[in-house]
Each structure stands twice: as structure tokens, then as C-alpha cells.
Amino acid sequence: MGRSNSSWGDGFLLVGFSDWPQLELILFIFISIFYSLTLFGNTTIIALSRLDLRLRTPMYFFLSHLSFLDLCYTTSTVPQLLINLHGFDRTISYRRCVTQLFVFLALASTECVLLVVMAFDRYAAVCRPLHYTTIMHPVLCQTLALSAWLAGLVNSMIQTSLMMTMPLCGHQLNHFFCEMPIFLKLACEDTGGTEAKMFVARAVILVLPTAVILGSYVHIGRAVLKVKSVAGRRKAFGTCGSHIVVVSLFYGSAIYTYLQPIHKYSESEGKFVALFYTIITPMLNPLIYTLRNKDVKGALWKVLGRDRDSG
């Protein structure tokens, strides 16, 4: 890639998957299907949590926030990717690139904090069942959800503002959207100080929540082992197991991408890893949370039954 002094005022060329032209049509078809499933699955969860009274609990309140977050999360990158794969236009303006960078970081950071909130909800439900309704008061639930969104915005503002102080070399981004590691690779000068500050911000939003979640599940595991009823253990593991799977998928891919040294970051490999946490994980979340969930299944059949009756 040819390098020349560039500023944030210039536009960029998103290389995407043009290095593998034989894959572009296949990726376009599969990503279109996955995106449609993501929109359908997450919209269904949001609708059901509003329509069915049984789902108006803290767990589904936070799950509806996660579903809305995943809708926005995928929509911030996938339409641009589909245009890129179809070959219509691989360029992106400065303003759109900065906006995409800021929005993506804000949504990803919000999900990091929201997953911690959901772990706290499961901790309260399993370890403090008699006081659960008192602890998870609607006001506290709304405050926790709002705090997650605000934390995501603040983290994104910090990292985006630090990123924009870095001089860049070149106009080609070897990615399918404007993501932070790619800009760090394009830096013209030694930006060790700025990178260190950004690394601290990333570590805070990734490592700290991971530690809190692991700690909460250690307590949950101990509490579940004390439950004498086999049915009670299965129910506890069922509700918490879904959250553990989602946490593992999201944090695993995010930590791999954002906490590895930038000189070891592979642009080609990074694109395929990014497909996982921008498309696959948001698509799987509704399935993971609802596949063995009797409440959601019951609510869905109830809504479908009403539709059939009304028809």
C-alpha cells in the first residue's frame, strides 16, 4: 500500500474483501441472510418483551436493551459492507468515517457494560432470590441501563478524540469499515503516548467488566451448587448459561482484536474476526437467549395464536 502524508480531512478507500474477489459474492449472500436474521430475531425479542406481561422483568428489560443495541451495532457496519462487496462504491468520506468509528465504539463499549449489568441481575436472581424484586427495582434497572449507554458514549468520545490527533499516512483502509486498529496501523509518527492512553481506555472497558462478570459467576456457581433441587439447578444453569455463552463470544473476539499489540495485528485476519463480532454474534444472541427459554417461546406462541385468532 502506497504511503503518503494524509490528514483526517481526506476521504478513505475501504479495501474490504477485494483481495479475494472470488469470495465477495458468497460473502454478500451470506451476510445479507445473517443481517436479515439479526434484524428479525432482535426485533422479535424487543416486541415480545413489550407485548407479554410475563416478560416484563429485569432480565428481559436488559435483554431488550441488548437486542436494540445489537440492531444498531450491526446496522452501523453491515450496510456499508454490503455496498462494498457489491462494488458500487468503496470510498467513505471523512465525516462518515469518523461518525462510524464513534458510533461503533460507543455501541461496543455500551455492550461491554450492559453485559456486566446483566451478570449482576443474574447474581441477584440466583444468590439473593428472596430480595430480588427489592434489589432489582425498576428505578435501579433504568439507572443501570442508562449508565451503560453513558459509559459507552464517554469511552467512545475519549478514544475517538485521541485517534483524531494522530497523523495518518495513506488513504487506504484495509478493512470493511472504519475500525480503530486500522488507523493505528496507518499512523505516520511514533504515537506511543497516544496508543498507551487508548490502550488503557480499552483495557478498562474490556478487562474490568470481564473480571466483574467472572467474579459474579463464581458466586453464582457456589449458590447453584447449594441448591438441593435438580430442577432448580437446571433452571439456574439454563438462565445463566445463555449469558455466559454470549459473554464468551463477545469478549473473546473483542479482547483478541483490541488488546493485542498493534505491531502483531494482522489486517487480513482482523477483517474475518470482525465479521464474527459485527455479524455472527448479534445474529446468535436472540437464538442463544431463546432456544431453551420457555417464557420467550410461550410469549411467541401466544402472540402467534392471537394473530391466528384475529385472522
Protein backbone atom coordinates (compact mmCIF):
# COMPACT_ATOMS: atom_id res chain seq x y z
CA MET A 1 0.00 0.00 0.00
CA GLY A 2 1.46 3.31 -1.02
CA ARG A 3 2.02 5.71 1.83
CA SER A 4 1.76 9.45 1.70
CA ASN A 5 1.02 12.05 4.30
CA SER A 6 -2.70 12.18 4.92
CA SER A 7 -4.95 14.09 7.21
CA TRP A 8 -8.30 13.27 8.78
CA GLY A 9 -9.80 15.81 6.39
CA ASP A 10 -9.37 13.47 3.42
CA GLY A 11 -11.60 10.59 2.44
CA PHE A 12 -10.63 6.93 2.60
CA LEU A 13 -10.82 3.85 0.40
CA LEU A 14 -12.19 0.78 2.14
CA VAL A 15 -10.36 -2.20 0.64
CA GLY A 16 -12.84 -4.66 2.17
CA PHE A 17 -12.54 -8.15 0.69
CA SER A 18 -11.44 -7.01 -2.78
CA ASP A 19 -8.22 -9.00 -2.26
CA TRP A 20 -10.43 -12.11 -2.50
CA PRO A 21 -12.83 -11.28 -5.38
CA GLN A 22 -13.97 -14.91 -5.55
CA LEU A 23 -15.37 -14.58 -2.03
CA GLU A 24 -17.27 -11.33 -2.48
CA LEU A 25 -20.47 -12.76 -3.98
CA ILE A 26 -20.56 -15.59 -1.42
CA LEU A 27 -19.99 -13.15 1.45
CA PHE A 28 -22.65 -10.79 0.07
CA ILE A 29 -25.27 -13.58 0.05
CA PHE A 30 -24.44 -14.98 3.48
CA ILE A 31 -24.05 -11.58 5.16
CA SER A 32 -27.39 -10.43 3.68
CA ILE A 33 -29.05 -13.53 5.16
CA PHE A 34 -27.34 -13.12 8.55
CA TYR A 35 -28.23 -9.43 8.67
CA SER A 36 -31.89 -10.20 7.92
CA LEU A 37 -31.91 -12.83 10.68
CA THR A 38 -30.32 -10.36 13.07
CA LEU A 39 -32.97 -7.74 12.34
CA PHE A 40 -35.79 -10.27 12.66
CA GLY A 41 -34.52 -12.01 15.81
CA ASN A 42 -33.67 -8.92 17.81
CA THR A 43 -36.81 -7.05 16.73
CA THR A 44 -38.88 -10.07 17.81
CA ILE A 45 -37.32 -10.07 21.28
CA ILE A 46 -37.99 -6.34 21.70
CA ALA A 47 -41.60 -6.75 20.55
CA LEU A 48 -42.26 -9.75 22.78
CA SER A 49 -40.83 -8.03 25.84
CA ARG A 50 -43.33 -5.21 25.28
CA LEU A 51 -46.35 -7.34 24.40
CA ASP A 52 -46.21 -10.11 27.00
CA LEU A 53 -46.63 -9.28 30.69
CA ARG A 54 -44.61 -12.34 31.74
CA LEU A 55 -41.54 -10.83 30.07
CA ARG A 56 -41.76 -7.51 31.89
CA THR A 57 -39.00 -8.45 34.31
CA PRO A 58 -35.50 -7.01 34.83
CA MET A 59 -33.91 -9.87 32.85
CA TYR A 60 -35.98 -9.18 29.73
CA PHE A 61 -35.74 -5.42 30.24
CA PHE A 62 -31.96 -5.69 29.89
CA LEU A 63 -32.29 -8.28 27.12
CA SER A 64 -34.44 -5.87 25.11
CA HIS A 65 -31.72 -3.24 25.55
CA LEU A 66 -29.15 -5.76 24.30
CA SER A 67 -31.33 -6.56 21.29
CA PHE A 68 -31.75 -2.87 20.43
CA LEU A 69 -28.01 -2.43 20.89
CA ASP A 70 -27.28 -5.31 18.51
CA LEU A 71 -29.66 -3.84 15.92
CA CYS A 72 -27.77 -0.56 15.99
CA TYR A 73 -24.41 -2.31 16.25
CA THR A 74 -24.81 -4.32 13.06
CA THR A 75 -26.53 -1.51 11.18
CA SER A 76 -23.55 0.77 11.83
CA THR A 77 -21.32 -1.51 9.70
CA VAL A 78 -23.24 -4.07 7.60
CA PRO A 79 -24.95 -1.76 5.03
CA GLN A 80 -21.55 -0.22 4.25
CA LEU A 81 -20.08 -3.72 3.92
CA LEU A 82 -22.82 -4.87 1.53
CA ILE A 83 -22.26 -1.81 -0.68
CA ASN A 84 -18.53 -2.53 -0.61
CA LEU A 85 -19.00 -6.20 -1.53
CA HIS A 86 -21.31 -5.31 -4.41
CA GLY A 87 -18.63 -2.98 -5.76
CA PHE A 88 -20.86 0.12 -6.01
CA ASP A 89 -18.59 2.40 -4.02
CA ARG A 90 -15.58 1.56 -1.84
CA THR A 91 -14.89 5.13 -0.71
CA ILE A 92 -16.01 6.74 2.52
CA SER A 93 -15.82 10.43 3.40
CA TYR A 94 -14.02 11.81 6.42
CA ARG A 95 -17.24 12.71 8.25
CA ARG A 96 -18.87 9.34 7.62
CA CYS A 97 -15.71 7.52 8.69
CA VAL A 98 -15.37 9.44 11.95
CA THR A 99 -19.10 9.04 12.63
CA GLN A 100 -18.92 5.30 12.01
CA LEU A 101 -15.84 4.99 14.23
CA PHE A 102 -17.52 6.92 17.06
CA VAL A 103 -20.86 5.09 16.80
CA PHE A 104 -19.27 1.65 16.59
CA LEU A 105 -17.02 2.28 19.60
CA ALA A 106 -19.94 3.72 21.58
CA LEU A 107 -22.19 0.74 20.88
CA ALA A 108 -19.45 -1.84 21.51
CA SER A 109 -18.46 -0.13 24.78
CA THR A 110 -22.09 0.05 25.85
CA GLU A 111 -22.47 -3.69 25.27
CA CYS A 112 -19.40 -4.33 27.43
CA VAL A 113 -21.04 -2.52 30.36
CA LEU A 114 -24.53 -3.87 29.67
CA LEU A 115 -23.27 -7.46 29.89
CA VAL A 116 -21.91 -6.62 33.36
CA VAL A 117 -25.32 -5.27 34.34
CA MET A 118 -26.97 -8.45 33.10
CA ALA A 119 -24.48 -10.52 35.13
CA PHE A 120 -25.43 -8.51 38.23
CA ASP A 121 -29.09 -9.21 37.51
CA ARG A 122 -28.38 -12.97 37.34
CA TYR A 123 -26.33 -12.72 40.55
CA ALA A 124 -29.23 -11.07 42.36
CA ALA A 125 -31.71 -13.62 40.99
CA VAL A 126 -29.66 -16.68 41.99
CA CYS A 127 -27.80 -15.52 45.11
CA ARG A 128 -30.46 -13.22 46.59
CA PRO A 129 -33.76 -14.72 45.37
CA LEU A 130 -35.82 -13.57 48.37
CA HIS A 131 -34.69 -9.97 47.92
CA TYR A 132 -34.55 -9.99 44.10
CA THR A 133 -37.62 -7.83 43.46
CA THR A 134 -36.44 -5.35 46.08
CA ILE A 135 -32.90 -5.16 44.71
CA MET A 136 -33.82 -5.00 41.03
CA HIS A 137 -36.30 -2.16 41.42
CA PRO A 138 -37.49 -0.60 38.13
CA VAL A 139 -35.73 2.66 39.00
CA LEU A 140 -32.43 0.82 39.55
CA CYS A 141 -32.88 -1.12 36.30
CA GLN A 142 -33.42 2.09 34.33
CA THR A 143 -30.44 3.72 36.05
CA LEU A 144 -28.16 0.77 35.27
CA ALA A 145 -29.26 0.69 31.62
CA LEU A 146 -28.75 4.45 31.26
CA SER A 147 -25.34 4.17 32.93
CA ALA A 148 -24.29 1.54 30.39
CA TRP A 149 -25.22 3.81 27.48
CA LEU A 150 -23.48 6.83 29.04
CA ALA A 151 -20.33 4.82 29.79
CA GLY A 152 -20.22 3.69 26.17
CA LEU A 153 -20.55 7.25 24.89
CA VAL A 154 -17.84 8.57 27.22
CA ASN A 155 -15.40 5.80 26.28
CA SER A 156 -16.04 6.37 22.58
CA MET A 157 -15.54 10.14 22.92
CA ILE A 158 -12.20 9.60 24.65
CA GLN A 159 -10.86 7.10 22.12
CA THR A 160 -12.17 8.91 19.04
CA SER A 161 -10.74 12.25 20.16
CA LEU A 162 -7.35 10.65 20.87
CA MET A 163 -7.44 8.90 17.49
CA MET A 164 -8.08 12.13 15.61
CA THR A 165 -4.89 13.69 16.99
CA MET A 166 -2.79 11.11 15.15
CA PRO A 167 -1.33 11.99 11.71
CA LEU A 168 -2.05 9.30 9.13
CA CYS A 169 -0.10 8.01 6.14
CA GLY A 170 -2.19 6.77 3.25
CA HIS A 171 -5.84 6.79 2.25
CA GLN A 172 -6.47 3.05 2.04
CA LEU A 173 -8.10 1.26 4.96
CA ASN A 174 -7.54 -2.48 4.68
CA HIS A 175 -10.89 -3.24 6.28
CA PHE A 176 -14.61 -3.12 5.50
CA PHE A 177 -15.39 -0.34 7.99
CA CYS A 178 -13.60 2.37 9.97
CA GLU A 179 -12.17 0.48 12.95
CA MET A 180 -9.59 1.67 15.42
CA PRO A 181 -6.74 -0.87 14.90
CA ILE A 182 -6.59 0.02 11.21
CA PHE A 183 -5.99 3.70 11.99
CA LEU A 184 -3.28 2.79 14.49
CA LYS A 185 -1.55 0.87 11.68
CA LEU A 186 -1.77 3.98 9.44
CA ALA A 187 -0.11 6.31 11.96
CA CYS A 188 2.78 8.24 10.39
CA GLU A 189 4.72 9.05 13.54
CA ASP A 190 5.64 7.34 16.77
CA THR A 191 2.39 7.63 18.71
CA GLY A 192 3.41 5.54 21.72
CA GLY A 193 1.96 8.01 24.22
CA THR A 194 -1.40 8.25 22.47
CA GLU A 195 -1.56 4.50 21.92
CA ALA A 196 -0.82 3.91 25.61
CA LYS A 197 -3.71 6.16 26.66
CA MET A 198 -6.04 4.42 24.21
CA PHE A 199 -4.88 1.01 25.41
CA VAL A 200 -5.74 1.97 28.99
CA ALA A 201 -9.21 3.07 27.87
CA ARG A 202 -9.71 -0.22 26.02
CA ALA A 203 -8.44 -2.26 28.96
CA VAL A 204 -10.82 -0.50 31.34
CA ILE A 205 -13.84 -1.18 29.14
CA LEU A 206 -12.83 -4.81 28.41
CA VAL A 207 -10.74 -6.28 31.24
CA LEU A 208 -12.56 -4.71 34.18
CA PRO A 209 -16.05 -5.86 33.06
CA THR A 210 -14.67 -9.33 32.32
CA ALA A 211 -13.25 -9.57 35.85
CA VAL A 212 -16.53 -8.41 37.40
CA ILE A 213 -18.54 -10.93 35.34
CA LEU A 214 -16.21 -13.79 36.24
CA GLY A 215 -16.42 -12.83 39.92
CA SER A 216 -20.22 -12.73 39.83
CA TYR A 217 -20.39 -16.17 38.23
CA VAL A 218 -18.07 -17.64 40.84
CA HIS A 219 -20.65 -16.59 43.45
CA ILE A 220 -23.50 -17.82 41.24
CA GLY A 221 -21.80 -21.20 40.80
CA ARG A 222 -21.41 -21.60 44.55
CA ALA A 223 -25.03 -20.68 45.14
CA VAL A 224 -26.29 -23.11 42.48
CA LEU A 225 -24.28 -25.99 43.94
CA LYS A 226 -26.08 -25.44 47.25
CA VAL A 227 -29.49 -25.87 45.60
CA LYS A 228 -30.83 -29.33 46.51
CA SER A 229 -33.47 -29.50 43.79
CA VAL A 230 -32.22 -30.85 40.45
CA ALA A 231 -34.90 -28.85 38.64
CA GLY A 232 -33.78 -25.70 40.45
CA ARG A 233 -30.17 -26.27 39.42
CA ARG A 234 -31.16 -26.82 35.80
CA LYS A 235 -33.24 -23.63 35.74
CA ALA A 236 -30.39 -21.58 37.26
CA PHE A 237 -27.80 -23.02 34.89
CA GLY A 238 -30.18 -22.54 31.96
CA THR A 239 -30.74 -18.83 32.54
CA CYS A 240 -27.10 -18.13 33.43
CA GLY A 241 -25.64 -20.42 30.78
CA SER A 242 -27.08 -18.30 27.97
CA HIS A 243 -25.42 -15.20 29.37
CA ILE A 244 -22.07 -16.98 29.78
CA VAL A 245 -22.12 -18.06 26.11
CA VAL A 246 -22.88 -14.50 24.92
CA VAL A 247 -20.17 -13.05 27.17
CA SER A 248 -17.61 -15.58 25.92
CA LEU A 249 -18.36 -14.90 22.25
CA PHE A 250 -18.36 -11.11 22.58
CA TYR A 251 -15.45 -10.57 24.97
CA GLY A 252 -13.31 -13.30 23.43
CA SER A 253 -13.31 -11.74 19.96
CA ALA A 254 -13.12 -8.16 21.29
CA ILE A 255 -10.15 -8.84 23.57
CA TYR A 256 -8.35 -10.67 20.77
CA THR A 257 -8.74 -7.68 18.44
CA TYR A 258 -8.35 -4.70 20.75
CA LEU A 259 -5.84 -5.80 23.38
CA GLN A 260 -3.16 -7.39 21.20
CA PRO A 261 -0.07 -5.24 20.39
CA ILE A 262 -0.68 -3.20 17.26
CA HIS A 263 2.52 -4.47 15.58
CA LYS A 264 1.10 -8.01 15.80
CA TYR A 265 -2.29 -7.04 14.40
CA SER A 266 -2.97 -8.71 11.04
CA GLU A 267 -5.22 -6.62 8.80
CA SER A 268 -6.36 -9.58 6.71
CA GLU A 269 -7.07 -11.73 9.74
CA GLY A 270 -8.70 -8.79 11.52
CA LYS A 271 -11.33 -8.46 8.81
CA PHE A 272 -12.53 -12.03 9.29
CA VAL A 273 -12.50 -11.72 13.09
CA ALA A 274 -14.52 -8.51 12.74
CA LEU A 275 -17.14 -10.40 10.73
CA PHE A 276 -17.62 -12.60 13.79
CA TYR A 277 -18.35 -9.84 16.34
CA THR A 278 -20.18 -7.48 13.97
CA ILE A 279 -22.44 -10.03 12.27
CA ILE A 280 -22.34 -13.55 13.74
CA THR A 281 -22.60 -12.68 17.46
CA PRO A 282 -25.55 -10.23 17.11
CA MET A 283 -27.34 -12.85 14.99
CA LEU A 284 -26.72 -15.62 17.54
CA ASN A 285 -27.73 -13.63 20.64
CA PRO A 286 -31.52 -13.99 20.10
CA LEU A 287 -31.10 -17.73 19.44
CA ILE A 288 -28.87 -18.27 22.47
CA TYR A 289 -31.27 -16.49 24.82
CA THR A 290 -34.48 -18.00 23.46
CA LEU A 291 -33.59 -21.50 22.23
CA ARG A 292 -34.24 -23.12 25.62
CA ASN A 293 -36.27 -20.33 27.16
CA LYS A 294 -39.84 -21.42 27.85
CA ASP A 295 -41.03 -17.90 28.71
CA VAL A 296 -39.98 -16.46 25.35
CA LYS A 297 -41.31 -19.46 23.45
CA GLY A 298 -44.61 -19.19 25.31
CA ALA A 299 -44.86 -15.47 24.58
CA LEU A 300 -44.12 -16.09 20.89
CA TRP A 301 -46.78 -18.78 20.55
CA LYS A 302 -49.22 -16.60 22.44
CA VAL A 303 -48.68 -13.72 20.02
CA LEU A 304 -48.91 -16.03 17.02
CA GLY A 305 -52.06 -17.55 18.46
CA ARG A 306 -53.65 -14.12 18.79
CA ASP A 307 -52.72 -13.36 15.20
CA ARG A 308 -54.32 -16.60 14.03
CA ASP A 309 -57.43 -15.97 16.10
CA SER A 310 -57.75 -12.46 14.78
CA GLY A 311 -57.25 -13.74 11.23
